[in-house]
Amino acid sequence: MKQHIKQHNIFMCAIKTPFTWVIASLFFIFAANPSLATGDDYLDALSTEAEASAHVPSNTGNAGPSKEQVALEKLLEKEKPTTFKYYKKLNRWDKATVVELYRTDNADTPAKFDHLRKKVLDLYFKR
């Protein structure tokens, strides 16, 4: 019986020791790096930084397409229907990327269409 109790105590000690070590390690990790403890704040900051670098406004949820986007869509539908077919299948973030390229590209019209076509296809095929 004493042997059984001794084995039980050794087993319980083996279980408690790694568990205690894990808990203590997590405590020290979060204590040493406060940004881990405030995960939501850190993720919000990353999201804000990503949106700013992508030039995509964060309030595009239900606002509808911008004037630039409507103009681009009409132009693509008229001049480049195949490109427009793929463009329509993009998600709103990828569409915003194409609109941003359209807005900032200073190339002449044929080259601009080539740039837009390449961007649409790259986004559609995730290249």
Protein backbone atom coordinates (compact mmCIF):
# COMPACT_ATOMS: atom_id res chain seq x y z
CA MET A 1 0.00 0.00 0.00
CA LYS A 2 2.80 2.41 0.90
CA GLN A 3 4.42 1.66 -2.45
CA HIS A 4 1.17 2.56 -4.23
CA ILE A 5 0.85 5.87 -2.32
CA LYS A 6 4.48 6.70 -3.06
CA GLN A 7 3.95 6.04 -6.79
CA HIS A 8 0.79 8.15 -6.73
CA ASN A 9 2.64 11.07 -5.10
CA ILE A 10 5.47 10.85 -7.65
CA PHE A 11 2.91 10.82 -10.46
CA MET A 12 1.06 13.85 -9.06
CA CYS A 13 4.34 15.72 -8.60
CA ALA A 14 5.27 15.01 -12.21
CA ILE A 15 1.92 16.37 -13.38
CA LYS A 16 2.02 19.49 -11.22
CA THR A 17 5.59 20.43 -12.05
CA PRO A 18 5.21 20.89 -15.84
CA PHE A 19 1.84 22.55 -15.37
CA THR A 20 3.28 24.98 -12.84
CA TRP A 21 6.23 25.62 -15.12
CA VAL A 22 3.94 26.41 -18.06
CA ILE A 23 1.82 28.80 -15.99
CA ALA A 24 4.89 30.55 -14.61
CA SER A 25 6.42 30.81 -18.09
CA LEU A 26 3.27 32.37 -19.51
CA PHE A 27 3.16 34.84 -16.65
CA PHE A 28 6.73 35.96 -17.30
CA ILE A 29 6.20 36.17 -21.06
CA PHE A 30 3.18 38.44 -20.66
CA ALA A 31 4.81 40.43 -17.87
CA ALA A 32 7.92 41.04 -19.99
CA ASN A 33 5.97 42.03 -23.11
CA PRO A 34 2.85 44.06 -22.30
CA SER A 35 1.79 44.21 -25.96
CA LEU A 36 0.99 40.49 -25.74
CA ALA A 37 -1.30 41.08 -22.81
CA THR A 38 -3.26 43.72 -24.73
CA GLY A 39 -3.81 41.64 -27.86
CA ASP A 40 -6.86 43.57 -29.09
CA ASP A 41 -5.10 46.92 -28.88
CA TYR A 42 -2.10 45.49 -30.70
CA LEU A 43 -4.27 43.99 -33.45
CA ASP A 44 -6.18 47.26 -33.82
CA ALA A 45 -2.90 49.12 -34.27
CA LEU A 46 -1.73 46.60 -36.88
CA SER A 47 -5.05 46.86 -38.72
CA THR A 48 -4.89 50.65 -38.75
CA GLU A 49 -1.31 50.56 -40.05
CA ALA A 50 -2.22 48.06 -42.79
CA GLU A 51 -5.18 50.14 -43.92
CA ALA A 52 -3.08 53.29 -44.00
CA SER A 53 -0.35 51.66 -46.04
CA ALA A 54 -2.87 50.18 -48.49
CA HIS A 55 -4.69 53.51 -48.88
CA VAL A 56 -7.99 51.75 -48.19
CA PRO A 57 -10.37 53.69 -45.96
CA SER A 58 -11.64 51.72 -42.97
CA ASN A 59 -15.23 52.94 -43.33
CA THR A 60 -15.92 51.34 -46.70
CA GLY A 61 -18.30 48.80 -45.17
CA ASN A 62 -21.72 49.90 -46.43
CA ALA A 63 -20.85 53.25 -47.96
CA GLY A 64 -21.09 51.94 -51.53
CA PRO A 65 -18.65 52.51 -54.36
CA SER A 66 -16.80 55.81 -54.66
CA LYS A 67 -17.17 58.08 -57.68
CA GLU A 68 -13.75 56.92 -58.90
CA GLN A 69 -14.80 53.29 -58.62
CA VAL A 70 -18.03 53.90 -60.56
CA ALA A 71 -16.10 55.76 -63.26
CA LEU A 72 -13.51 52.97 -63.50
CA GLU A 73 -16.18 50.28 -63.70
CA LYS A 74 -18.00 52.08 -66.53
CA LEU A 75 -14.73 52.61 -68.38
CA LEU A 76 -13.65 48.97 -67.98
CA GLU A 77 -17.07 47.67 -68.99
CA LYS A 78 -17.01 49.77 -72.17
CA GLU A 79 -13.33 49.52 -73.18
CA LYS A 80 -12.10 46.26 -71.63
CA PRO A 81 -15.06 43.89 -71.07
CA THR A 82 -12.89 40.83 -70.38
CA THR A 83 -10.91 42.68 -67.72
CA PHE A 84 -14.20 43.97 -66.31
CA LYS A 85 -15.53 40.38 -66.08
CA TYR A 86 -12.63 39.43 -63.80
CA TYR A 87 -12.75 42.73 -61.91
CA LYS A 88 -16.41 42.12 -60.95
CA LYS A 89 -15.38 38.85 -59.25
CA LEU A 90 -12.83 40.52 -56.96
CA ASN A 91 -13.60 41.20 -53.31
CA ARG A 92 -14.09 44.81 -52.24
CA TRP A 93 -10.53 45.17 -50.91
CA ASP A 94 -9.01 44.01 -54.18
CA LYS A 95 -11.36 46.31 -56.09
CA ALA A 96 -10.19 49.18 -53.90
CA THR A 97 -6.59 48.29 -54.80
CA VAL A 98 -7.44 48.46 -58.51
CA VAL A 99 -9.24 51.79 -58.04
CA GLU A 100 -6.18 53.14 -56.21
CA LEU A 101 -3.96 52.08 -59.10
CA TYR A 102 -6.37 53.73 -61.54
CA ARG A 103 -6.28 56.92 -59.46
CA THR A 104 -2.49 57.11 -59.10
CA ASP A 105 -1.23 55.69 -62.40
CA ASN A 106 0.05 58.57 -64.54
CA ALA A 107 0.73 56.46 -67.64
CA ASP A 108 -0.91 57.16 -70.98
CA THR A 109 -4.28 55.47 -71.58
CA PRO A 110 -3.14 52.27 -73.38
CA ALA A 111 -0.40 51.65 -70.80
CA LYS A 112 -2.81 52.45 -67.97
CA PHE A 113 -5.23 49.81 -69.28
CA ASP A 114 -2.36 47.32 -69.43
CA HIS A 115 -1.44 48.09 -65.82
CA LEU A 116 -5.05 47.73 -64.71
CA ARG A 117 -5.49 44.46 -66.63
CA LYS A 118 -2.33 43.02 -65.08
CA LYS A 119 -3.37 44.10 -61.57
CA VAL A 120 -6.89 42.67 -61.94
CA LEU A 121 -5.57 39.34 -63.20
CA ASP A 122 -2.87 39.18 -60.52
CA LEU A 123 -5.46 39.78 -57.82
CA TYR A 124 -7.97 37.37 -59.35
CA PHE A 125 -5.43 34.56 -59.71
CA LYS A 126 -3.65 35.55 -56.45
CA ARG A 127 -0.25 35.91 -58.09
